[in-house]
Amino acid sequence: MNIKAQKQKEFRPDRGYTKEDWDEVSDNPPWTEEELRSARPFREVFPEIAAKMEQAIAARGRPKLEAPKVAVTLRLDPDVLEKFKASGKDWRARMAEELRKAAGL
């Protein structure tokens, strides 16, 4: 069994925390019924931090496009395809830009 999967019952050095840290949190009793009843949501207790976290999460991923792109199947001459691929990682974007120019967009 992986050592991290096991519940650690005693302090072990070189695990990223000190003996003082271990002693501080090692006696962490379960919550009482009263503590559970009085608990409030994180968003309610720390609204500014929660808002920043939500903004950070919303900003992840690909940027939203004004108009979604359309997947197509297109047959190209091998030399044309190789020329674009040889131009680097973003060859598809460069090809799309050249097509936009040719279409007068």
PDB file of N, CA and C in Angstrom:
ATOM      1  N   MET A   1       0.844  -1.193   0.000  1.00  0.00           N
ATOM      2  CA  MET A   1       0.000   0.000   0.000  1.00  0.00           C
ATOM      3  C   MET A   1       0.880   1.243   0.000  1.00  0.00           C
ATOM      4  N   ASN A   2       0.482   2.240  -0.750  1.00  0.00           N
ATOM      5  CA  ASN A   2       1.199   3.501  -0.823  1.00  0.00           C
ATOM      6  C   ASN A   2       1.190   4.170   0.552  1.00  0.00           C
ATOM      7  N   ILE A   3       2.350   4.683   0.967  1.00  0.00           N
ATOM      8  CA  ILE A   3       2.452   5.293   2.298  1.00  0.00           C
ATOM      9  C   ILE A   3       1.552   6.519   2.432  1.00  0.00           C
ATOM     10  N   LYS A   4       1.348   7.264   1.355  1.00  0.00           N
ATOM     11  CA  LYS A   4       0.472   8.438   1.428  1.00  0.00           C
ATOM     12  C   LYS A   4      -0.985   8.035   1.601  1.00  0.00           C
ATOM     13  N   ALA A   5      -1.361   6.861   1.133  1.00  0.00           N
ATOM     14  CA  ALA A   5      -2.740   6.410   1.252  1.00  0.00           C
ATOM     15  C   ALA A   5      -3.053   5.984   2.682  1.00  0.00           C
ATOM     16  N   GLN A   6      -2.030   5.627   3.446  1.00  0.00           N
ATOM     17  CA  GLN A   6      -2.235   5.219   4.830  1.00  0.00           C
ATOM     18  C   GLN A   6      -2.385   6.456   5.712  1.00  0.00           C
ATOM     19  N   LYS A   7      -3.200   6.333   6.763  1.00  0.00           N
ATOM     20  CA  LYS A   7      -3.335   7.429   7.711  1.00  0.00           C
ATOM     21  C   LYS A   7      -2.088   7.448   8.582  1.00  0.00           C
ATOM     22  N   GLN A   8      -1.413   8.568   8.574  1.00  0.00           N
ATOM     23  CA  GLN A   8      -0.177   8.697   9.331  1.00  0.00           C
ATOM     24  C   GLN A   8      -0.516   8.936  10.794  1.00  0.00           C
ATOM     25  N   LYS A   9       0.075   8.126  11.682  1.00  0.00           N
ATOM     26  CA  LYS A   9      -0.249   8.219  13.098  1.00  0.00           C
ATOM     27  C   LYS A   9       0.872   8.798  13.942  1.00  0.00           C
ATOM     28  N   GLU A  10       2.033   8.997  13.341  1.00  0.00           N
ATOM     29  CA  GLU A  10       3.146   9.584  14.084  1.00  0.00           C
ATOM     30  C   GLU A  10       3.956  10.488  13.158  1.00  0.00           C
ATOM     31  N   PHE A  11       4.672  11.419  13.755  1.00  0.00           N
ATOM     32  CA  PHE A  11       5.467  12.366  12.980  1.00  0.00           C
ATOM     33  C   PHE A  11       6.600  11.650  12.259  1.00  0.00           C
ATOM     34  N   ARG A  12       6.791  12.046  10.980  1.00  0.00           N
ATOM     35  CA  ARG A  12       7.931  11.563  10.198  1.00  0.00           C
ATOM     36  C   ARG A  12       8.638  12.787   9.635  1.00  0.00           C
ATOM     37  N   PRO A  13       9.950  12.891   9.835  1.00  0.00           N
ATOM     38  CA  PRO A  13      10.669  14.059   9.318  1.00  0.00           C
ATOM     39  C   PRO A  13      10.728  14.051   7.786  1.00  0.00           C
ATOM     40  N   ASP A  14      11.079  15.207   7.230  1.00  0.00           N
ATOM     41  CA  ASP A  14      11.259  15.372   5.783  1.00  0.00           C
ATOM     42  C   ASP A  14       9.987  15.088   4.986  1.00  0.00           C
ATOM     43  N   ARG A  15       8.845  15.474   5.528  1.00  0.00           N
ATOM     44  CA  ARG A  15       7.571  15.294   4.815  1.00  0.00           C
ATOM     45  C   ARG A  15       6.937  16.641   4.465  1.00  0.00           C
ATOM     46  N   GLY A  16       7.697  17.738   4.654  1.00  0.00           N
ATOM     47  CA  GLY A  16       7.194  19.047   4.267  1.00  0.00           C
ATOM     48  C   GLY A  16       6.606  19.844   5.409  1.00  0.00           C
ATOM     49  N   TYR A  17       6.711  19.373   6.632  1.00  0.00           N
ATOM     50  CA  TYR A  17       6.213  20.111   7.781  1.00  0.00           C
ATOM     51  C   TYR A  17       7.097  19.789   8.980  1.00  0.00           C
ATOM     52  N   THR A  18       7.026  20.646   9.999  1.00  0.00           N
ATOM     53  CA  THR A  18       7.879  20.480  11.178  1.00  0.00           C
ATOM     54  C   THR A  18       7.164  19.669  12.252  1.00  0.00           C
ATOM     55  N   LYS A  19       7.907  19.276  13.250  1.00  0.00           N
ATOM     56  CA  LYS A  19       7.331  18.566  14.405  1.00  0.00           C
ATOM     57  C   LYS A  19       6.338  19.474  15.113  1.00  0.00           C
ATOM     58  N   GLU A  20       6.635  20.772  15.157  1.00  0.00           N
ATOM     59  CA  GLU A  20       5.723  21.729  15.792  1.00  0.00           C
ATOM     60  C   GLU A  20       4.393  21.783  15.028  1.00  0.00           C
ATOM     61  N   ASP A  21       4.470  21.777  13.683  1.00  0.00           N
ATOM     62  CA  ASP A  21       3.239  21.754  12.878  1.00  0.00           C
ATOM     63  C   ASP A  21       2.437  20.490  13.172  1.00  0.00           C
ATOM     64  N   TRP A  22       3.128  19.367  13.236  1.00  0.00           N
ATOM     65  CA  TRP A  22       2.467  18.083  13.500  1.00  0.00           C
ATOM     66  C   TRP A  22       1.771  18.123  14.862  1.00  0.00           C
ATOM     67  N   ASP A  23       2.478  18.624  15.869  1.00  0.00           N
ATOM     68  CA  ASP A  23       1.908  18.680  17.213  1.00  0.00           C
ATOM     69  C   ASP A  23       0.695  19.615  17.265  1.00  0.00           C
ATOM     70  N   GLU A  24       0.735  20.695  16.469  1.00  0.00           N
ATOM     71  CA  GLU A  24      -0.351  21.670  16.466  1.00  0.00           C
ATOM     72  C   GLU A  24      -1.655  21.075  15.928  1.00  0.00           C
ATOM     73  N   VAL A  25      -1.577  20.231  14.918  1.00  0.00           N
ATOM     74  CA  VAL A  25      -2.788  19.712  14.278  1.00  0.00           C
ATOM     75  C   VAL A  25      -3.090  18.254  14.595  1.00  0.00           C
ATOM     76  N   SER A  26      -2.192  17.577  15.265  1.00  0.00           N
ATOM     77  CA  SER A  26      -2.396  16.145  15.490  1.00  0.00           C
ATOM     78  C   SER A  26      -3.557  15.858  16.434  1.00  0.00           C
ATOM     79  N   ASP A  27      -3.939  16.823  17.271  1.00  0.00           N
ATOM     80  CA  ASP A  27      -5.057  16.621  18.179  1.00  0.00           C
ATOM     81  C   ASP A  27      -6.238  17.434  17.650  1.00  0.00           C
ATOM     82  N   ASN A  28      -6.788  16.999  16.551  1.00  0.00           N
ATOM     83  CA  ASN A  28      -7.878  17.711  15.899  1.00  0.00           C
ATOM     84  C   ASN A  28      -9.156  16.893  16.075  1.00  0.00           C
ATOM     85  N   PRO A  29      -9.920  17.174  17.123  1.00  0.00           N
ATOM     86  CA  PRO A  29     -11.106  16.348  17.398  1.00  0.00           C
ATOM     87  C   PRO A  29     -12.225  16.594  16.389  1.00  0.00           C
ATOM     88  N   PRO A  30     -13.131  15.636  16.241  1.00  0.00           N
ATOM     89  CA  PRO A  30     -14.281  15.841  15.356  1.00  0.00           C
ATOM     90  C   PRO A  30     -15.148  16.991  15.867  1.00  0.00           C
ATOM     91  N   TRP A  31     -15.902  17.592  14.972  1.00  0.00           N
ATOM     92  CA  TRP A  31     -16.773  18.691  15.350  1.00  0.00           C
ATOM     93  C   TRP A  31     -17.928  18.192  16.207  1.00  0.00           C
ATOM     94  N   THR A  32     -18.367  19.060  17.107  1.00  0.00           N
ATOM     95  CA  THR A  32     -19.537  18.749  17.919  1.00  0.00           C
ATOM     96  C   THR A  32     -20.785  19.104  17.113  1.00  0.00           C
ATOM     97  N   GLU A  33     -21.942  18.654  17.578  1.00  0.00           N
ATOM     98  CA  GLU A  33     -23.210  18.988  16.912  1.00  0.00           C
ATOM     99  C   GLU A  33     -23.422  20.498  16.889  1.00  0.00           C
ATOM    100  N   GLU A  34     -23.063  21.171  17.973  1.00  0.00           N
ATOM    101  CA  GLU A  34     -23.226  22.621  18.043  1.00  0.00           C
ATOM    102  C   GLU A  34     -22.328  23.319  17.009  1.00  0.00           C
ATOM    103  N   GLU A  35     -21.081  22.858  16.869  1.00  0.00           N
ATOM    104  CA  GLU A  35     -20.178  23.442  15.877  1.00  0.00           C
ATOM    105  C   GLU A  35     -20.710  23.213  14.457  1.00  0.00           C
ATOM    106  N   LEU A  36     -21.237  22.039  14.193  1.00  0.00           N
ATOM    107  CA  LEU A  36     -21.809  21.748  12.876  1.00  0.00           C
ATOM    108  C   LEU A  36     -23.002  22.656  12.579  1.00  0.00           C
ATOM    109  N   ARG A  37     -23.862  22.882  13.588  1.00  0.00           N
ATOM    110  CA  ARG A  37     -25.041  23.739  13.400  1.00  0.00           C
ATOM    111  C   ARG A  37     -24.648  25.194  13.155  1.00  0.00           C
ATOM    112  N   SER A  38     -23.558  25.646  13.779  1.00  0.00           N
ATOM    113  CA  SER A  38     -23.162  27.051  13.653  1.00  0.00           C
ATOM    114  C   SER A  38     -22.254  27.300  12.442  1.00  0.00           C
ATOM    115  N   ALA A  39     -21.872  26.266  11.737  1.00  0.00           N
ATOM    116  CA  ALA A  39     -20.990  26.429  10.573  1.00  0.00           C
ATOM    117  C   ALA A  39     -21.695  27.219   9.473  1.00  0.00           C
ATOM    118  N   ARG A  40     -20.920  28.063   8.783  1.00  0.00           N
ATOM    119  CA  ARG A  40     -21.461  28.865   7.686  1.00  0.00           C
ATOM    120  C   ARG A  40     -20.660  28.591   6.427  1.00  0.00           C
ATOM    121  N   PRO A  41     -21.251  28.758   5.266  1.00  0.00           N
ATOM    122  CA  PRO A  41     -20.537  28.509   4.013  1.00  0.00           C
ATOM    123  C   PRO A  41     -19.335  29.448   3.843  1.00  0.00           C
ATOM    124  N   PHE A  42     -18.293  28.935   3.207  1.00  0.00           N
ATOM    125  CA  PHE A  42     -17.078  29.713   2.948  1.00  0.00           C
ATOM    126  C   PHE A  42     -17.415  31.021   2.249  1.00  0.00           C
ATOM    127  N   ARG A  43     -18.299  30.968   1.253  1.00  0.00           N
ATOM    128  CA  ARG A  43     -18.681  32.147   0.468  1.00  0.00           C
ATOM    129  C   ARG A  43     -19.288  33.225   1.365  1.00  0.00           C
ATOM    130  N   GLU A  44     -19.998  32.803   2.396  1.00  0.00           N
ATOM    131  CA  GLU A  44     -20.635  33.754   3.305  1.00  0.00           C
ATOM    132  C   GLU A  44     -19.618  34.369   4.270  1.00  0.00           C
ATOM    133  N   VAL A  45     -18.665  33.571   4.726  1.00  0.00           N
ATOM    134  CA  VAL A  45     -17.684  34.039   5.703  1.00  0.00           C
ATOM    135  C   VAL A  45     -16.590  34.881   5.043  1.00  0.00           C
ATOM    136  N   PHE A  46     -16.163  34.478   3.842  1.00  0.00           N
ATOM    137  CA  PHE A  46     -15.083  35.168   3.122  1.00  0.00           C
ATOM    138  C   PHE A  46     -15.545  35.544   1.712  1.00  0.00           C
ATOM    139  N   PRO A  47     -16.477  36.490   1.579  1.00  0.00           N
ATOM    140  CA  PRO A  47     -17.037  36.788   0.253  1.00  0.00           C
ATOM    141  C   PRO A  47     -16.013  37.308  -0.756  1.00  0.00           C
ATOM    142  N   GLU A  48     -15.040  38.122  -0.306  1.00  0.00           N
ATOM    143  CA  GLU A  48     -14.045  38.676  -1.240  1.00  0.00           C
ATOM    144  C   GLU A  48     -13.162  37.565  -1.803  1.00  0.00           C
ATOM    145  N   ILE A  49     -12.699  36.678  -0.937  1.00  0.00           N
ATOM    146  CA  ILE A  49     -11.841  35.578  -1.385  1.00  0.00           C
ATOM    147  C   ILE A  49     -12.629  34.643  -2.296  1.00  0.00           C
ATOM    148  N   ALA A  50     -13.863  34.354  -1.939  1.00  0.00           N
ATOM    149  CA  ALA A  50     -14.698  33.468  -2.759  1.00  0.00           C
ATOM    150  C   ALA A  50     -14.919  34.060  -4.143  1.00  0.00           C
ATOM    151  N   ALA A  51     -15.131  35.374  -4.218  1.00  0.00           N
ATOM    152  CA  ALA A  51     -15.344  36.026  -5.514  1.00  0.00           C
ATOM    153  C   ALA A  51     -14.091  35.935  -6.375  1.00  0.00           C
ATOM    154  N   LYS A  52     -12.919  36.141  -5.770  1.00  0.00           N
ATOM    155  CA  LYS A  52     -11.667  36.030  -6.522  1.00  0.00           C
ATOM    156  C   LYS A  52     -11.455  34.607  -7.015  1.00  0.00           C
ATOM    157  N   MET A  53     -11.784  33.629  -6.188  1.00  0.00           N
ATOM    158  CA  MET A  53     -11.635  32.228  -6.591  1.00  0.00           C
ATOM    159  C   MET A  53     -12.562  31.911  -7.759  1.00  0.00           C
ATOM    160  N   GLU A  54     -13.793  32.400  -7.699  1.00  0.00           N
ATOM    161  CA  GLU A  54     -14.750  32.150  -8.783  1.00  0.00           C
ATOM    162  C   GLU A  54     -14.299  32.806 -10.083  1.00  0.00           C
ATOM    163  N   GLN A  55     -13.723  34.007  -9.987  1.00  0.00           N
ATOM    164  CA  GLN A  55     -13.215  34.688 -11.180  1.00  0.00           C
ATOM    165  C   GLN A  55     -12.060  33.905 -11.787  1.00  0.00           C
ATOM    166  N   ALA A  56     -11.180  33.393 -10.934  1.00  0.00           N
ATOM    167  CA  ALA A  56     -10.036  32.625 -11.425  1.00  0.00           C
ATOM    168  C   ALA A  56     -10.501  31.358 -12.131  1.00  0.00           C
ATOM    169  N   ILE A  57     -11.505  30.703 -11.580  1.00  0.00           N
ATOM    170  CA  ILE A  57     -12.022  29.476 -12.185  1.00  0.00           C
ATOM    171  C   ILE A  57     -12.700  29.795 -13.514  1.00  0.00           C
ATOM    172  N   ALA A  58     -13.460  30.881 -13.566  1.00  0.00           N
ATOM    173  CA  ALA A  58     -14.169  31.257 -14.789  1.00  0.00           C
ATOM    174  C   ALA A  58     -13.195  31.636 -15.901  1.00  0.00           C
ATOM    175  N   ALA A  59     -12.012  32.133 -15.537  1.00  0.00           N
ATOM    176  CA  ALA A  59     -11.043  32.572 -16.534  1.00  0.00           C
ATOM    177  C   ALA A  59     -10.258  31.416 -17.138  1.00  0.00           C
ATOM    178  N   ARG A  60     -10.406  30.219 -16.598  1.00  0.00           N
ATOM    179  CA  ARG A  60      -9.654  29.080 -17.114  1.00  0.00           C
ATOM    180  C   ARG A  60     -10.198  28.603 -18.447  1.00  0.00           C
ATOM    181  N   GLY A  61      -9.392  27.838 -19.132  1.00  0.00           N
ATOM    182  CA  GLY A  61      -9.829  27.213 -20.373  1.00  0.00           C
ATOM    183  C   GLY A  61      -9.655  28.116 -21.571  1.00  0.00           C
ATOM    184  N   ARG A  62     -10.185  27.675 -22.667  1.00  0.00           N
ATOM    185  CA  ARG A  62     -10.076  28.444 -23.904  1.00  0.00           C
ATOM    186  C   ARG A  62     -10.931  29.702 -23.807  1.00  0.00           C
ATOM    187  N   PRO A  63     -10.458  30.776 -24.410  1.00  0.00           N
ATOM    188  CA  PRO A  63     -11.279  31.980 -24.441  1.00  0.00           C
ATOM    189  C   PRO A  63     -12.538  31.753 -25.271  1.00  0.00           C
ATOM    190  N   LYS A  64     -13.599  32.416 -24.891  1.00  0.00           N
ATOM    191  CA  LYS A  64     -14.854  32.290 -25.628  1.00  0.00           C
ATOM    192  C   LYS A  64     -14.712  32.968 -26.980  1.00  0.00           C
ATOM    193  N   LEU A  65     -15.164  32.295 -28.023  1.00  0.00           N
ATOM    194  CA  LEU A  65     -15.102  32.845 -29.373  1.00  0.00           C
ATOM    195  C   LEU A  65     -16.387  33.608 -29.679  1.00  0.00           C
ATOM    196  N   GLU A  66     -16.257  34.643 -30.494  1.00  0.00           N
ATOM    197  CA  GLU A  66     -17.444  35.383 -30.901  1.00  0.00           C
ATOM    198  C   GLU A  66     -18.372  34.489 -31.709  1.00  0.00           C
ATOM    199  N   ALA A  67     -17.782  33.728 -32.632  1.00  0.00           N
ATOM    200  CA  ALA A  67     -18.556  32.774 -33.430  1.00  0.00           C
ATOM    201  C   ALA A  67     -17.823  31.442 -33.358  1.00  0.00           C
ATOM    202  N   PRO A  68     -18.513  30.386 -32.983  1.00  0.00           N
ATOM    203  CA  PRO A  68     -17.830  29.096 -32.869  1.00  0.00           C
ATOM    204  C   PRO A  68     -17.297  28.641 -34.221  1.00  0.00           C
ATOM    205  N   LYS A  69     -16.162  27.975 -34.169  1.00  0.00           N
ATOM    206  CA  LYS A  69     -15.574  27.460 -35.396  1.00  0.00           C
ATOM    207  C   LYS A  69     -16.319  26.217 -35.835  1.00  0.00           C
ATOM    208  N   VAL A  70     -16.206  25.910 -37.119  1.00  0.00           N
ATOM    209  CA  VAL A  70     -16.912  24.788 -37.711  1.00  0.00           C
ATOM    210  C   VAL A  70     -15.890  23.761 -38.182  1.00  0.00           C
ATOM    211  N   ALA A  71     -16.074  22.516 -37.791  1.00  0.00           N
ATOM    212  CA  ALA A  71     -15.183  21.454 -38.237  1.00  0.00           C
ATOM    213  C   ALA A  71     -15.556  21.051 -39.660  1.00  0.00           C
ATOM    214  N   VAL A  72     -14.538  20.945 -40.524  1.00  0.00           N
ATOM    215  CA  VAL A  72     -14.773  20.542 -41.910  1.00  0.00           C
ATOM    216  C   VAL A  72     -13.737  19.500 -42.313  1.00  0.00           C
ATOM    217  N   THR A  73     -14.050  18.761 -43.358  1.00  0.00           N
ATOM    218  CA  THR A  73     -13.081  17.874 -43.970  1.00  0.00           C
ATOM    219  C   THR A  73     -12.653  18.527 -45.273  1.00  0.00           C
ATOM    220  N   LEU A  74     -11.349  18.627 -45.467  1.00  0.00           N
ATOM    221  CA  LEU A  74     -10.825  19.344 -46.615  1.00  0.00           C
ATOM    222  C   LEU A  74      -9.657  18.568 -47.193  1.00  0.00           C
ATOM    223  N   ARG A  75      -9.661  18.359 -48.483  1.00  0.00           N
ATOM    224  CA  ARG A  75      -8.547  17.676 -49.142  1.00  0.00           C
ATOM    225  C   ARG A  75      -7.597  18.728 -49.698  1.00  0.00           C
ATOM    226  N   LEU A  76      -6.323  18.618 -49.319  1.00  0.00           N
ATOM    227  CA  LEU A  76      -5.309  19.574 -49.758  1.00  0.00           C
ATOM    228  C   LEU A  76      -4.170  18.831 -50.441  1.00  0.00           C
ATOM    229  N   ASP A  77      -3.460  19.530 -51.291  1.00  0.00           N
ATOM    230  CA  ASP A  77      -2.258  18.954 -51.892  1.00  0.00           C
ATOM    231  C   ASP A  77      -1.223  18.751 -50.793  1.00  0.00           C
ATOM    232  N   PRO A  78      -0.497  17.641 -50.845  1.00  0.00           N
ATOM    233  CA  PRO A  78       0.482  17.349 -49.786  1.00  0.00           C
ATOM    234  C   PRO A  78       1.525  18.447 -49.600  1.00  0.00           C
ATOM    235  N   ASP A  79       1.982  19.071 -50.680  1.00  0.00           N
ATOM    236  CA  ASP A  79       3.012  20.100 -50.542  1.00  0.00           C
ATOM    237  C   ASP A  79       2.481  21.342 -49.814  1.00  0.00           C
ATOM    238  N   VAL A  80       1.200  21.663 -50.017  1.00  0.00           N
ATOM    239  CA  VAL A  80       0.592  22.808 -49.330  1.00  0.00           C
ATOM    240  C   VAL A  80       0.498  22.506 -47.831  1.00  0.00           C
ATOM    241  N   LEU A  81       0.024  21.317 -47.525  1.00  0.00           N
ATOM    242  CA  LEU A  81      -0.111  20.931 -46.120  1.00  0.00           C
ATOM    243  C   LEU A  81       1.253  20.912 -45.426  1.00  0.00           C
ATOM    244  N   GLU A  82       2.248  20.338 -46.059  1.00  0.00           N
ATOM    245  CA  GLU A  82       3.587  20.272 -45.468  1.00  0.00           C
ATOM    246  C   GLU A  82       4.174  21.662 -45.242  1.00  0.00           C
ATOM    247  N   LYS A  83       3.925  22.576 -46.173  1.00  0.00           N
ATOM    248  CA  LYS A  83       4.425  23.951 -46.032  1.00  0.00           C
ATOM    249  C   LYS A  83       3.852  24.605 -44.773  1.00  0.00           C
ATOM    250  N   PHE A  84       2.543  24.442 -44.555  1.00  0.00           N
ATOM    251  CA  PHE A  84       1.935  25.024 -43.347  1.00  0.00           C
ATOM    252  C   PHE A  84       2.416  24.318 -42.089  1.00  0.00           C
ATOM    253  N   LYS A  85       2.493  22.996 -42.116  1.00  0.00           N
ATOM    254  CA  LYS A  85       2.958  22.254 -40.934  1.00  0.00           C
ATOM    255  C   LYS A  85       4.388  22.617 -40.578  1.00  0.00           C
ATOM    256  N   ALA A  86       5.211  22.867 -41.594  1.00  0.00           N
ATOM    257  CA  ALA A  86       6.608  23.229 -41.355  1.00  0.00           C
ATOM    258  C   ALA A  86       6.733  24.600 -40.708  1.00  0.00           C
ATOM    259  N   SER A  87       5.680  25.415 -40.756  1.00  0.00           N
ATOM    260  CA  SER A  87       5.742  26.760 -40.186  1.00  0.00           C
ATOM    261  C   SER A  87       5.616  26.768 -38.667  1.00  0.00           C
ATOM    262  N   GLY A  88       5.359  25.623 -38.067  1.00  0.00           N
ATOM    263  CA  GLY A  88       5.343  25.552 -36.605  1.00  0.00           C
ATOM    264  C   GLY A  88       4.032  25.086 -36.012  1.00  0.00           C
ATOM    265  N   LYS A  89       4.006  25.156 -34.689  1.00  0.00           N
ATOM    266  CA  LYS A  89       2.916  24.596 -33.886  1.00  0.00           C
ATOM    267  C   LYS A  89       1.523  25.129 -34.273  1.00  0.00           C
ATOM    268  N   ASP A  90       1.399  26.406 -34.515  1.00  0.00           N
ATOM    269  CA  ASP A  90       0.082  27.003 -34.793  1.00  0.00           C
ATOM    270  C   ASP A  90      -0.232  27.060 -36.285  1.00  0.00           C
ATOM    271  N   TRP A  91       0.151  26.040 -37.009  1.00  0.00           N
ATOM    272  CA  TRP A  91      -0.017  26.060 -38.463  1.00  0.00           C
ATOM    273  C   TRP A  91      -1.482  26.159 -38.866  1.00  0.00           C
ATOM    274  N   ARG A  92      -2.380  25.591 -38.085  1.00  0.00           N
ATOM    275  CA  ARG A  92      -3.807  25.651 -38.439  1.00  0.00           C
ATOM    276  C   ARG A  92      -4.325  27.095 -38.386  1.00  0.00           C
ATOM    277  N   ALA A  93      -3.903  27.832 -37.353  1.00  0.00           N
ATOM    278  CA  ALA A  93      -4.321  29.233 -37.234  1.00  0.00           C
ATOM    279  C   ALA A  93      -3.763  30.053 -38.389  1.00  0.00           C
ATOM    280  N   ARG A  94      -2.514  29.790 -38.774  1.00  0.00           N
ATOM    281  CA  ARG A  94      -1.923  30.514 -39.900  1.00  0.00           C
ATOM    282  C   ARG A  94      -2.648  30.171 -41.199  1.00  0.00           C
ATOM    283  N   MET A  95      -3.019  28.918 -41.363  1.00  0.00           N
ATOM    284  CA  MET A  95      -3.762  28.525 -42.558  1.00  0.00           C
ATOM    285  C   MET A  95      -5.121  29.231 -42.587  1.00  0.00           C
ATOM    286  N   ALA A  96      -5.793  29.283 -41.451  1.00  0.00           N
ATOM    287  CA  ALA A  96      -7.091  29.960 -41.385  1.00  0.00           C
ATOM    288  C   ALA A  96      -6.944  31.437 -41.728  1.00  0.00           C
ATOM    289  N   GLU A  97      -5.873  32.068 -41.232  1.00  0.00           N
ATOM    290  CA  GLU A  97      -5.652  33.484 -41.521  1.00  0.00           C
ATOM    291  C   GLU A  97      -5.422  33.706 -43.019  1.00  0.00           C
ATOM    292  N   GLU A  98      -4.660  32.825 -43.648  1.00  0.00           N
ATOM    293  CA  GLU A  98      -4.432  32.947 -45.096  1.00  0.00           C
ATOM    294  C   GLU A  98      -5.739  32.765 -45.868  1.00  0.00           C
ATOM    295  N   LEU A  99      -6.582  31.860 -45.421  1.00  0.00           N
ATOM    296  CA  LEU A  99      -7.870  31.662 -46.065  1.00  0.00           C
ATOM    297  C   LEU A  99      -8.765  32.894 -45.893  1.00  0.00           C
ATOM    298  N   ARG A 100      -8.698  33.517 -44.722  1.00  0.00           N
ATOM    299  CA  ARG A 100      -9.480  34.731 -44.478  1.00  0.00           C
ATOM    300  C   ARG A 100      -9.018  35.839 -45.438  1.00  0.00           C
ATOM    301  N   LYS A 101      -7.702  35.976 -45.606  1.00  0.00           N
ATOM    302  CA  LYS A 101      -7.170  36.997 -46.533  1.00  0.00           C
ATOM    303  C   LYS A 101      -7.644  36.705 -47.955  1.00  0.00           C
ATOM    304  N   ALA A 102      -7.549  35.430 -48.363  1.00  0.00           N
ATOM    305  CA  ALA A 102      -7.942  35.066 -49.736  1.00  0.00           C
ATOM    306  C   ALA A 102      -9.428  35.320 -49.962  1.00  0.00           C
ATOM    307  N   ALA A 103     -10.238  35.169 -48.901  1.00  0.00           N
ATOM    308  CA  ALA A 103     -11.671  35.386 -49.020  1.00  0.00           C
ATOM    309  C   ALA A 103     -12.045  36.860 -48.884  1.00  0.00           C
ATOM    310  N   GLY A 104     -11.039  37.702 -48.593  1.00  0.00           N
ATOM    311  CA  GLY A 104     -11.298  39.139 -48.448  1.00  0.00           C
ATOM    312  C   GLY A 104     -11.952  39.493 -47.130  1.00  0.00           C
ATOM    313  N   LEU A 105     -11.708  38.714 -46.083  1.00  0.00           N
ATOM    314  CA  LEU A 105     -12.311  38.973 -44.771  1.00  0.00           C
ATOM    315  C   LEU A 105     -11.355  39.703 -43.843  1.00  0.00           C
TER     316      LEU A 105
END
